[in-house]
C-alpha atoms as a PDB file:
ATOM      1  CA  MET A   1     -12.893 -18.300  14.866  1.00  0.00           C
ATOM      2  CA  ASN A   2     -10.962 -21.653  15.139  1.00  0.00           C
ATOM      3  CA  TYR A   3      -7.089 -22.113  15.166  1.00  0.00           C
ATOM      4  CA  ALA A   4      -7.091 -23.330  11.374  1.00  0.00           C
ATOM      5  CA  THR A   5      -8.982 -20.218  10.312  1.00  0.00           C
ATOM      6  CA  ASN A   6      -6.887 -17.940  12.506  1.00  0.00           C
ATOM      7  CA  TYR A   7      -3.674 -19.082  11.137  1.00  0.00           C
ATOM      8  CA  LYS A   8      -5.137 -18.804   7.546  1.00  0.00           C
ATOM      9  CA  LEU A   9      -5.807 -15.227   8.115  1.00  0.00           C
ATOM     10  CA  ILE A  10      -2.633 -14.629   9.604  1.00  0.00           C
ATOM     11  CA  PHE A  11      -0.822 -16.125   6.508  1.00  0.00           C
ATOM     12  CA  ILE A  12      -3.004 -14.179   4.156  1.00  0.00           C
ATOM     13  CA  ILE A  13      -2.368 -10.920   6.058  1.00  0.00           C
ATOM     14  CA  LEU A  14       1.604 -11.475   6.260  1.00  0.00           C
ATOM     15  CA  LEU A  15       1.831 -12.520   2.609  1.00  0.00           C
ATOM     16  CA  SER A  16      -0.203  -9.395   1.469  1.00  0.00           C
ATOM     17  CA  LEU A  17       2.051  -7.081   3.576  1.00  0.00           C
ATOM     18  CA  PHE A  18       5.219  -8.553   2.060  1.00  0.00           C
ATOM     19  CA  PHE A  19       3.670  -8.013  -1.430  1.00  0.00           C
ATOM     20  CA  LEU A  20       2.850  -4.422  -0.452  1.00  0.00           C
ATOM     21  CA  GLY A  21       6.301  -3.966   0.853  1.00  0.00           C
ATOM     22  CA  PHE A  22       8.005  -5.183  -2.413  1.00  0.00           C
ATOM     23  CA  ASN A  23       5.888  -2.731  -4.201  1.00  0.00           C
ATOM     24  CA  SER A  24       7.979   0.135  -3.050  1.00  0.00           C
ATOM     25  CA  ILE A  25      11.044  -1.544  -3.989  1.00  0.00           C
ATOM     26  CA  PHE A  26       9.939  -2.347  -7.593  1.00  0.00           C
ATOM     27  CA  GLY A  27       8.592   1.328  -7.956  1.00  0.00           C
ATOM     28  CA  LYS A  28      12.012   2.679  -6.601  1.00  0.00           C
ATOM     29  CA  LEU A  29      14.088   0.350  -8.700  1.00  0.00           C
ATOM     30  CA  ALA A  30      12.102   1.448 -11.818  1.00  0.00           C
ATOM     31  CA  LEU A  31      11.575   5.013 -11.114  1.00  0.00           C
ATOM     32  CA  GLY A  32      14.892   6.003  -9.184  1.00  0.00           C
ATOM     33  CA  ASN A  33      17.032   4.450 -11.907  1.00  0.00           C
ATOM     34  CA  ASN A  34      15.174   6.173 -14.942  1.00  0.00           C
ATOM     35  CA  HIS A  35      14.046   2.873 -16.392  1.00  0.00           C
ATOM     36  CA  ILE A  36      10.636   4.487 -16.828  1.00  0.00           C
ATOM     37  CA  ASP A  37       8.685   7.704 -16.064  1.00  0.00           C
ATOM     38  CA  ALA A  38       6.062   7.902 -13.347  1.00  0.00           C
ATOM     39  CA  PHE A  39       2.946   8.086 -15.737  1.00  0.00           C
ATOM     40  CA  SER A  40       4.022   5.092 -17.688  1.00  0.00           C
ATOM     41  CA  PHE A  41       4.915   3.041 -14.504  1.00  0.00           C
ATOM     42  CA  THR A  42       1.430   3.920 -13.254  1.00  0.00           C
ATOM     43  CA  PHE A  43      -0.087   2.904 -16.251  1.00  0.00           C
ATOM     44  CA  PHE A  44       1.590  -0.345 -17.064  1.00  0.00           C
ATOM     45  CA  ARG A  45       1.168  -1.500 -13.292  1.00  0.00           C
ATOM     46  CA  LEU A  46      -2.547  -0.769 -13.368  1.00  0.00           C
ATOM     47  CA  PHE A  47      -2.848  -2.425 -16.996  1.00  0.00           C
ATOM     48  CA  PHE A  48      -1.062  -5.446 -16.291  1.00  0.00           C
ATOM     49  CA  GLY A  49      -2.775  -6.002 -12.741  1.00  0.00           C
ATOM     50  CA  ALA A  50      -6.045  -5.588 -14.424  1.00  0.00           C
ATOM     51  CA  VAL A  51      -5.163  -8.127 -17.233  1.00  0.00           C
ATOM     52  CA  THR A  52      -3.907 -10.623 -14.699  1.00  0.00           C
ATOM     53  CA  LEU A  53      -7.001 -10.358 -12.404  1.00  0.00           C
ATOM     54  CA  VAL A  54      -9.397 -10.383 -15.539  1.00  0.00           C
ATOM     55  CA  LEU A  55      -7.863 -13.721 -16.628  1.00  0.00           C
ATOM     56  CA  ILE A  56      -7.913 -15.403 -13.230  1.00  0.00           C
ATOM     57  CA  TYR A  57     -11.405 -14.542 -12.544  1.00  0.00           C
ATOM     58  CA  ALA A  58     -12.490 -15.461 -16.184  1.00  0.00           C
ATOM     59  CA  TYR A  59     -10.625 -18.761 -15.590  1.00  0.00           C
ATOM     60  CA  GLN A  60     -12.390 -19.270 -12.323  1.00  0.00           C
ATOM     61  CA  THR A  61     -16.040 -18.065 -13.285  1.00  0.00           C
ATOM     62  CA  LYS A  62     -16.084 -18.024 -16.948  1.00  0.00           C
ATOM     63  CA  ASN A  63     -17.474 -14.586 -16.656  1.00  0.00           C
ATOM     64  CA  ILE A  64     -15.844 -11.085 -17.672  1.00  0.00           C
ATOM     65  CA  SER A  65     -19.025  -8.850 -17.334  1.00  0.00           C
ATOM     66  CA  VAL A  66     -18.589  -5.330 -16.258  1.00  0.00           C
ATOM     67  CA  ASN A  67     -21.018  -3.575 -13.783  1.00  0.00           C
ATOM     68  CA  LEU A  68     -20.885   0.133 -14.580  1.00  0.00           C
ATOM     69  CA  LYS A  69     -22.718   0.971 -11.381  1.00  0.00           C
ATOM     70  CA  SER A  70     -20.103  -0.029  -8.761  1.00  0.00           C
ATOM     71  CA  ASN A  71     -16.610   0.432  -7.369  1.00  0.00           C
ATOM     72  CA  TRP A  72     -15.988   3.731  -8.883  1.00  0.00           C
ATOM     73  CA  LEU A  73     -14.828   5.301  -5.732  1.00  0.00           C
ATOM     74  CA  SER A  74     -12.490   2.449  -4.850  1.00  0.00           C
ATOM     75  CA  SER A  75     -11.299   2.479  -8.329  1.00  0.00           C
ATOM     76  CA  PHE A  76     -10.474   6.234  -8.401  1.00  0.00           C
ATOM     77  CA  MET A  77      -8.709   5.873  -4.952  1.00  0.00           C
ATOM     78  CA  LEU A  78      -6.536   3.099  -6.341  1.00  0.00           C
ATOM     79  CA  PHE A  79      -5.645   5.279  -9.362  1.00  0.00           C
ATOM     80  CA  LEU A  80      -5.147   8.344  -7.091  1.00  0.00           C
ATOM     81  CA  TYR A  81      -2.825   6.260  -4.647  1.00  0.00           C
ATOM     82  CA  ALA A  82      -0.786   4.705  -7.695  1.00  0.00           C
ATOM     83  CA  ILE A  83      -0.268   7.953  -9.640  1.00  0.00           C
ATOM     84  CA  SER A  84       0.770   9.859  -6.426  1.00  0.00           C
ATOM     85  CA  PHE A  85       3.116   6.743  -5.548  1.00  0.00           C
ATOM     86  CA  SER A  86       4.767   7.052  -8.635  1.00  0.00           C
ATOM     87  CA  TYR A  87       5.491  10.747  -8.971  1.00  0.00           C
ATOM     88  CA  SER A  88       6.590  10.931  -5.325  1.00  0.00           C
ATOM     89  CA  PHE A  89       9.141   8.078  -5.733  1.00  0.00           C
ATOM     90  CA  LEU A  90      10.926  10.127  -8.366  1.00  0.00           C
ATOM     91  CA  ASN A  91      12.633  11.906  -5.505  1.00  0.00           C
ATOM     92  CA  MET A  92      12.137   9.933  -2.250  1.00  0.00           C
ATOM     93  CA  GLU A  93      14.001   7.001  -0.644  1.00  0.00           C
ATOM     94  CA  ALA A  94      12.124   3.489  -0.933  1.00  0.00           C
ATOM     95  CA  GLY A  95      12.157   3.346   3.201  1.00  0.00           C
ATOM     96  CA  LEU A  96      11.379   6.719   3.854  1.00  0.00           C
ATOM     97  CA  GLY A  97       8.486   6.952   1.482  1.00  0.00           C
ATOM     98  CA  THR A  98       7.001   3.795   2.515  1.00  0.00           C
ATOM     99  CA  LEU A  99       7.186   5.027   5.994  1.00  0.00           C
ATOM    100  CA  LEU A 100       5.636   8.243   5.275  1.00  0.00           C
ATOM    101  CA  LEU A 101       2.817   6.591   3.235  1.00  0.00           C
ATOM    102  CA  PHE A 102       1.784   4.215   5.960  1.00  0.00           C
ATOM    103  CA  ALA A 103       2.006   6.796   8.843  1.00  0.00           C
ATOM    104  CA  VAL A 104      -0.728   8.596   7.069  1.00  0.00           C
ATOM    105  CA  VAL A 105      -2.580   5.426   6.595  1.00  0.00           C
ATOM    106  CA  GLN A 106      -2.433   4.846  10.117  1.00  0.00           C
ATOM    107  CA  ILE A 107      -3.607   8.322  11.186  1.00  0.00           C
ATOM    108  CA  VAL A 108      -6.630   8.150   8.417  1.00  0.00           C
ATOM    109  CA  MET A 109      -7.746   4.566   9.625  1.00  0.00           C
ATOM    110  CA  LEU A 110      -7.727   5.913  13.341  1.00  0.00           C
ATOM    111  CA  VAL A 111      -9.991   8.438  12.277  1.00  0.00           C
ATOM    112  CA  PHE A 112     -12.315   5.966  10.587  1.00  0.00           C
ATOM    113  CA  SER A 113     -12.102   3.802  13.567  1.00  0.00           C
ATOM    114  CA  LEU A 114     -13.206   6.574  15.993  1.00  0.00           C
ATOM    115  CA  PHE A 115     -15.885   7.495  13.374  1.00  0.00           C
ATOM    116  CA  HIS A 116     -17.389   4.106  13.564  1.00  0.00           C
ATOM    117  CA  LYS A 117     -16.986   3.941  17.383  1.00  0.00           C
ATOM    118  CA  GLU A 118     -14.954   0.925  17.357  1.00  0.00           C
ATOM    119  CA  LYS A 119     -14.035  -0.316  20.873  1.00  0.00           C
ATOM    120  CA  ILE A 120     -10.233   0.522  21.666  1.00  0.00           C
ATOM    121  CA  ASN A 121      -8.727  -0.675  24.661  1.00  0.00           C
ATOM    122  CA  LEU A 122      -5.768   0.731  26.714  1.00  0.00           C
ATOM    123  CA  GLN A 123      -3.358  -1.888  25.289  1.00  0.00           C
ATOM    124  CA  LYS A 124      -4.289  -0.926  21.722  1.00  0.00           C
ATOM    125  CA  ILE A 125      -3.843   2.774  22.484  1.00  0.00           C
ATOM    126  CA  LEU A 126      -0.468   1.991  24.027  1.00  0.00           C
ATOM    127  CA  GLY A 127       0.651   0.059  21.245  1.00  0.00           C
ATOM    128  CA  MET A 128      -0.736   2.549  18.564  1.00  0.00           C
ATOM    129  CA  SER A 129       1.193   5.319  20.547  1.00  0.00           C
ATOM    130  CA  ILE A 130       4.338   3.310  20.712  1.00  0.00           C
ATOM    131  CA  ALA A 131       4.264   2.425  17.038  1.00  0.00           C
ATOM    132  CA  LEU A 132       3.750   6.171  16.174  1.00  0.00           C
ATOM    133  CA  PHE A 133       6.647   7.396  18.395  1.00  0.00           C
ATOM    134  CA  GLY A 134       8.822   5.039  16.448  1.00  0.00           C
ATOM    135  CA  LEU A 135       7.831   6.743  13.300  1.00  0.00           C
ATOM    136  CA  ILE A 136       8.275  10.257  14.872  1.00  0.00           C
ATOM    137  CA  TYR A 137      11.715   9.270  15.989  1.00  0.00           C
ATOM    138  CA  LEU A 138      12.898   7.991  12.580  1.00  0.00           C
ATOM    139  CA  LEU A 139      11.161  11.031  10.849  1.00  0.00           C
ATOM    140  CA  TYR A 140      12.287  13.684  13.097  1.00  0.00           C
ATOM    141  CA  PRO A 141      14.601  16.162  11.295  1.00  0.00           C
ATOM    142  CA  LYS A 142      18.284  15.547  11.741  1.00  0.00           C
ATOM    143  CA  GLU A 143      21.394  17.221  10.234  1.00  0.00           C
ATOM    144  CA  SER A 144      21.465  14.568   7.423  1.00  0.00           C
ATOM    145  CA  PHE A 145      17.642  14.650   6.979  1.00  0.00           C
ATOM    146  CA  GLU A 146      16.642  15.993   3.556  1.00  0.00           C
ATOM    147  CA  VAL A 147      13.324  15.421   2.002  1.00  0.00           C
ATOM    148  CA  SER A 148      11.369  17.131  -0.962  1.00  0.00           C
ATOM    149  CA  LEU A 149       8.102  18.713   0.738  1.00  0.00           C
ATOM    150  CA  TYR A 150       6.467  18.439  -2.841  1.00  0.00           C
ATOM    151  CA  HIS A 151       7.366  14.670  -3.080  1.00  0.00           C
ATOM    152  CA  ALA A 152       6.270  14.160   0.518  1.00  0.00           C
ATOM    153  CA  PHE A 153       2.833  15.844  -0.078  1.00  0.00           C
ATOM    154  CA  LEU A 154       2.359  13.646  -3.108  1.00  0.00           C
ATOM    155  CA  MET A 155       3.002  10.489  -0.673  1.00  0.00           C
ATOM    156  CA  ILE A 156       0.801  12.010   1.840  1.00  0.00           C
ATOM    157  CA  ILE A 157      -2.003  11.969  -0.839  1.00  0.00           C
ATOM    158  CA  ALA A 158      -1.015   8.450  -1.800  1.00  0.00           C
ATOM    159  CA  GLY A 159      -1.440   7.578   2.074  1.00  0.00           C
ATOM    160  CA  VAL A 160      -4.962   9.151   2.306  1.00  0.00           C
ATOM    161  CA  ALA A 161      -6.044   7.398  -0.768  1.00  0.00           C
ATOM    162  CA  TRP A 162      -4.732   3.937   0.274  1.00  0.00           C
ATOM    163  CA  ALA A 163      -6.498   4.458   3.591  1.00  0.00           C
ATOM    164  CA  ILE A 164      -9.937   5.053   1.773  1.00  0.00           C
ATOM    165  CA  TYR A 165      -9.422   2.191  -0.464  1.00  0.00           C
ATOM    166  CA  THR A 166      -8.710  -0.017   2.456  1.00  0.00           C
ATOM    167  CA  VAL A 167     -11.868   1.275   4.393  1.00  0.00           C
ATOM    168  CA  LEU A 168     -13.979   0.464   1.335  1.00  0.00           C
ATOM    169  CA  GLY A 169     -12.486  -2.973   1.228  1.00  0.00           C
ATOM    170  CA  LYS A 170     -14.171  -3.639   4.438  1.00  0.00           C
ATOM    171  CA  LYS A 171     -17.278  -4.142   2.743  1.00  0.00           C
ATOM    172  CA  SER A 172     -15.885  -6.458   0.211  1.00  0.00           C
ATOM    173  CA  THR A 173     -17.905  -9.595  -0.277  1.00  0.00           C
ATOM    174  CA  SER A 174     -15.650 -11.084  -3.206  1.00  0.00           C
ATOM    175  CA  SER A 175     -11.938 -10.034  -3.051  1.00  0.00           C
ATOM    176  CA  LEU A 176     -11.246 -11.207  -6.502  1.00  0.00           C
ATOM    177  CA  TYR A 177     -14.014  -9.733  -8.172  1.00  0.00           C
ATOM    178  CA  ASN A 178     -13.747  -6.396  -6.422  1.00  0.00           C
ATOM    179  CA  THR A 179      -9.999  -6.063  -6.903  1.00  0.00           C
ATOM    180  CA  MET A 180     -10.334  -7.007 -10.605  1.00  0.00           C
ATOM    181  CA  ASP A 181     -12.982  -4.172 -11.188  1.00  0.00           C
ATOM    182  CA  ASN A 182     -11.165  -1.859  -9.355  1.00  0.00           C
ATOM    183  CA  PHE A 183      -8.068  -2.378 -11.598  1.00  0.00           C
ATOM    184  CA  ARG A 184     -10.040  -2.348 -14.641  1.00  0.00           C
ATOM    185  CA  LYS A 185     -11.870   0.969 -13.786  1.00  0.00           C
ATOM    186  CA  ALA A 186      -8.647   2.416 -12.570  1.00  0.00           C
ATOM    187  CA  VAL A 187      -6.887   2.176 -15.964  1.00  0.00           C
ATOM    188  CA  VAL A 188     -10.021   4.334 -17.107  1.00  0.00           C
ATOM    189  CA  PHE A 189      -8.950   7.021 -14.657  1.00  0.00           C
ATOM    190  CA  VAL A 190      -5.391   6.781 -15.977  1.00  0.00           C
ATOM    191  CA  GLY A 191      -6.691   7.452 -19.310  1.00  0.00           C
ATOM    192  CA  LEU A 192      -8.571  10.448 -18.063  1.00  0.00           C
ATOM    193  CA  PHE A 193      -5.456  11.698 -16.446  1.00  0.00           C
ATOM    194  CA  TYR A 194      -3.511  11.500 -19.857  1.00  0.00           C
ATOM    195  CA  ILE A 195      -6.218  13.513 -21.589  1.00  0.00           C
ATOM    196  CA  LEU A 196      -6.331  16.148 -19.096  1.00  0.00           C
ATOM    197  CA  PHE A 197      -2.789  16.736 -18.260  1.00  0.00           C
ATOM    198  CA  SER A 198      -0.989  15.354 -21.298  1.00  0.00           C
ATOM    199  CA  PRO A 199       2.235  14.106 -19.275  1.00  0.00           C
ATOM    200  CA  GLN A 200       5.401  14.787 -21.343  1.00  0.00           C
ATOM    201  CA  ASN A 201       8.590  12.934 -21.729  1.00  0.00           C
ATOM    202  CA  THR A 202       7.114   9.401 -21.336  1.00  0.00           C
ATOM    203  CA  PHE A 203       9.807   6.650 -21.535  1.00  0.00           C
ATOM    204  CA  PHE A 204      10.632   3.164 -20.663  1.00  0.00           C
ATOM    205  CA  ASP A 205      13.162   0.511 -21.256  1.00  0.00           C
ATOM    206  CA  GLU A 206      12.828  -3.388 -21.022  1.00  0.00           C
ATOM    207  CA  LYS A 207      13.606  -3.330 -17.292  1.00  0.00           C
ATOM    208  CA  GLY A 208      11.204  -0.574 -16.451  1.00  0.00           C
ATOM    209  CA  LEU A 209       8.506  -2.474 -18.292  1.00  0.00           C
ATOM    210  CA  PHE A 210       9.367  -5.752 -16.512  1.00  0.00           C
ATOM    211  CA  LEU A 211       9.273  -4.022 -13.003  1.00  0.00           C
ATOM    212  CA  ALA A 212       5.855  -2.597 -13.859  1.00  0.00           C
ATOM    213  CA  PHE A 213       4.716  -5.855 -14.991  1.00  0.00           C
ATOM    214  CA  ILE A 214       5.887  -7.585 -11.783  1.00  0.00           C
ATOM    215  CA  SER A 215       4.703  -4.752  -9.550  1.00  0.00           C
ATOM    216  CA  GLY A 216       1.231  -5.043 -11.422  1.00  0.00           C
ATOM    217  CA  SER A 217       0.649  -8.525 -11.862  1.00  0.00           C
ATOM    218  CA  LEU A 218       2.151  -9.810  -8.784  1.00  0.00           C
ATOM    219  CA  THR A 219       2.859  -7.634  -5.900  1.00  0.00           C
ATOM    220  CA  SER A 220      -0.330  -5.461  -6.541  1.00  0.00           C
ATOM    221  CA  ALA A 221      -2.806  -7.488  -8.243  1.00  0.00           C
ATOM    222  CA  ILE A 222      -2.333 -10.648  -5.934  1.00  0.00           C
ATOM    223  CA  GLY A 223      -1.244  -8.641  -2.988  1.00  0.00           C
ATOM    224  CA  TYR A 224      -4.632  -6.470  -3.062  1.00  0.00           C
ATOM    225  CA  VAL A 225      -6.804  -9.663  -3.561  1.00  0.00           C
ATOM    226  CA  LEU A 226      -5.080 -11.127  -0.423  1.00  0.00           C
ATOM    227  CA  TRP A 227      -5.643  -7.746   1.411  1.00  0.00           C
ATOM    228  CA  TYR A 228      -9.258  -7.431   0.351  1.00  0.00           C
ATOM    229  CA  GLU A 229      -9.838 -11.132   1.581  1.00  0.00           C
ATOM    230  CA  ALA A 230      -8.340 -10.155   4.885  1.00  0.00           C
ATOM    231  CA  LEU A 231     -10.051  -6.925   5.539  1.00  0.00           C
ATOM    232  CA  PRO A 232     -13.490  -7.765   6.352  1.00  0.00           C
ATOM    233  CA  LYS A 233     -12.297  -9.956   9.302  1.00  0.00           C
ATOM    234  CA  MET A 234     -10.327  -6.802  10.875  1.00  0.00           C
ATOM    235  CA  GLN A 235     -11.309  -3.591  12.833  1.00  0.00           C
ATOM    236  CA  PHE A 236     -10.280  -0.424  10.987  1.00  0.00           C
ATOM    237  CA  ILE A 237      -7.745   0.281  13.830  1.00  0.00           C
ATOM    238  CA  THR A 238      -6.004  -3.231  13.487  1.00  0.00           C
ATOM    239  CA  ALA A 239      -5.992  -2.912   9.797  1.00  0.00           C
ATOM    240  CA  GLY A 240      -4.209   0.439  10.077  1.00  0.00           C
ATOM    241  CA  ILE A 241      -1.696  -0.651  12.690  1.00  0.00           C
ATOM    242  CA  ILE A 242      -0.604  -3.913  10.888  1.00  0.00           C
ATOM    243  CA  GLN A 243       0.161  -1.883   7.913  1.00  0.00           C
ATOM    244  CA  LEU A 244       3.086  -0.321   9.834  1.00  0.00           C
ATOM    245  CA  PHE A 245       4.837  -3.660   9.039  1.00  0.00           C
ATOM    246  CA  ILE A 246       5.000  -2.731   5.444  1.00  0.00           C
ATOM    247  CA  PRO A 247       7.577  -0.092   5.851  1.00  0.00           C
ATOM    248  CA  LEU A 248       9.735  -2.189   8.049  1.00  0.00           C
ATOM    249  CA  ILE A 249       9.551  -4.621   5.335  1.00  0.00           C
ATOM    250  CA  ALA A 250      10.404  -2.215   2.768  1.00  0.00           C
ATOM    251  CA  ILE A 251      13.136  -0.571   4.479  1.00  0.00           C
ATOM    252  CA  PHE A 252      15.233  -3.954   5.238  1.00  0.00           C
ATOM    253  CA  ILE A 253      14.572  -4.920   1.491  1.00  0.00           C
ATOM    254  CA  SER A 254      15.824  -1.697   0.110  1.00  0.00           C
ATOM    255  CA  VAL A 255      18.836  -1.918   2.588  1.00  0.00           C
ATOM    256  CA  ILE A 256      19.649  -5.325   0.798  1.00  0.00           C
ATOM    257  CA  PHE A 257      18.688  -4.544  -2.880  1.00  0.00           C
ATOM    258  CA  LEU A 258      18.933  -0.806  -3.158  1.00  0.00           C
ATOM    259  CA  ASN A 259      22.101  -0.155  -0.870  1.00  0.00           C
ATOM    260  CA  GLU A 260      20.176   2.146   1.355  1.00  0.00           C
ATOM    261  CA  VAL A 261      21.916   2.827   4.450  1.00  0.00           C
ATOM    262  CA  LEU A 262      20.781   0.857   7.698  1.00  0.00           C
ATOM    263  CA  THR A 263      21.385   3.477  10.524  1.00  0.00           C
ATOM    264  CA  THR A 264      21.200   3.121  14.236  1.00  0.00           C
ATOM    265  CA  THR A 265      18.384   5.336  14.305  1.00  0.00           C
ATOM    266  CA  LEU A 266      16.561   3.117  11.762  1.00  0.00           C
ATOM    267  CA  LEU A 267      17.281   0.001  13.923  1.00  0.00           C
ATOM    268  CA  ILE A 268      15.940   1.640  17.055  1.00  0.00           C
ATOM    269  CA  SER A 269      12.956   2.943  15.524  1.00  0.00           C
ATOM    270  CA  THR A 270      12.234  -0.549  13.928  1.00  0.00           C
ATOM    271  CA  VAL A 271      12.123  -2.147  17.365  1.00  0.00           C
ATOM    272  CA  VAL A 272      10.033   0.447  18.807  1.00  0.00           C
ATOM    273  CA  ILE A 273       7.417   0.176  15.962  1.00  0.00           C
ATOM    274  CA  PHE A 274       7.514  -3.615  16.063  1.00  0.00           C
ATOM    275  CA  ILE A 275       6.776  -3.586  19.833  1.00  0.00           C
ATOM    276  CA  GLY A 276       3.739  -1.004  19.253  1.00  0.00           C
ATOM    277  CA  ILE A 277       2.369  -3.378  16.426  1.00  0.00           C
ATOM    278  CA  ILE A 278       2.623  -6.548  18.730  1.00  0.00           C
ATOM    279  CA  LEU A 279       1.062  -4.672  21.541  1.00  0.00           C
ATOM    280  CA  THR A 280      -1.862  -3.768  19.378  1.00  0.00           C
ATOM    281  CA  ILE A 281      -2.361  -7.155  17.718  1.00  0.00           C
ATOM    282  CA  LEU A 282      -2.147  -9.078  21.085  1.00  0.00           C
ATOM    283  CA  SER A 283      -4.784  -6.826  22.552  1.00  0.00           C
ATOM    284  CA  LYS A 284      -8.173  -8.257  23.227  1.00  0.00           C
ATOM    285  CA  LYS A 285     -10.464  -8.097  20.240  1.00  0.00           C
ATOM    286  CA  ALA A 286      -7.522  -6.881  17.943  1.00  0.00           C
ATOM    287  CA  VAL A 287      -9.151  -8.639  15.062  1.00  0.00           C
END
C-alpha cells in the first residue's frame, strides 16, 4: 500500500467516524427533546438514507434493480441497530450511550477477530486493554452515576447488531451498492416491525423530521458508504478499536451542542482511550 493510498484510507476512516459520531448527536437532539418518537425517527432515518443512496447509485450507474437474494442479514442488522439505538436514546445521554454502544462493538469485534484467527501482537493487545480500561474507568458506578438498565440493554443490542453489520461489510465489493441495498431492505423490516408491534403515540414536528433527514441522508447513508469502503482493508480487531474514536467525538460534540457536562473523569478516560487506540493503530499490521 503506497502513501497516497494509505492517506486516502485514513481520510475515509476519519470522515466516516465523524459522521458516525454526529449520528448520536442528531439522535439525541431529536429524541431527547421530544421532536419525534423513536419509531418515526428510525423509519425516516432509514427511509431518507435509502432514497439518498438510490438516487446517487441511479445517477452513477443508471440502474436501480433489486436483488432479492442478497444482503438480508446485513439489512436486518442495520434495522436492529437503528431501532434499538432510537429507543435507547429516549433515556440515555448521548456521550454515555455512544460509549456503551461502541464498547460492545469492540468486544464483539474482538470475538470475531479471535474466531478468524487474526494475528494479534503484544502492542495491539496492550493498546486494546488500555482503551477498554479507559471505558471501564468512565462507566464505573459513581455517586452521581445513573443509568436505566432497560435502555442500556437496548444499546447493547444495538452494539451487537452494529458489530455484525460491520463484520458483514468486510466482504463488501461495492460499498455504495451494498449500503444502498441494506437501507432499502432495512425499511422493509421497519414496516414489519410496525405490523407486528403497532407502536403507539407516533409523532414528529418539523425539527424532528429535519434531524431524521440529516441523520439518514448524510451521517448515516454517506457515513456508512465510507465505512463499508474502508472495512475490507482492515482487520476485525482494527475495525473494532478505531470505532472507539466515535464516542470520544460524540462526547465532545455533546458537550458543545447539548450542554452535557465535561468532567475530570471524562477527560482522563478520553486521554486513556486515545492512547490505547493510537497504540493499536500504530502496531505492526494494524491495518
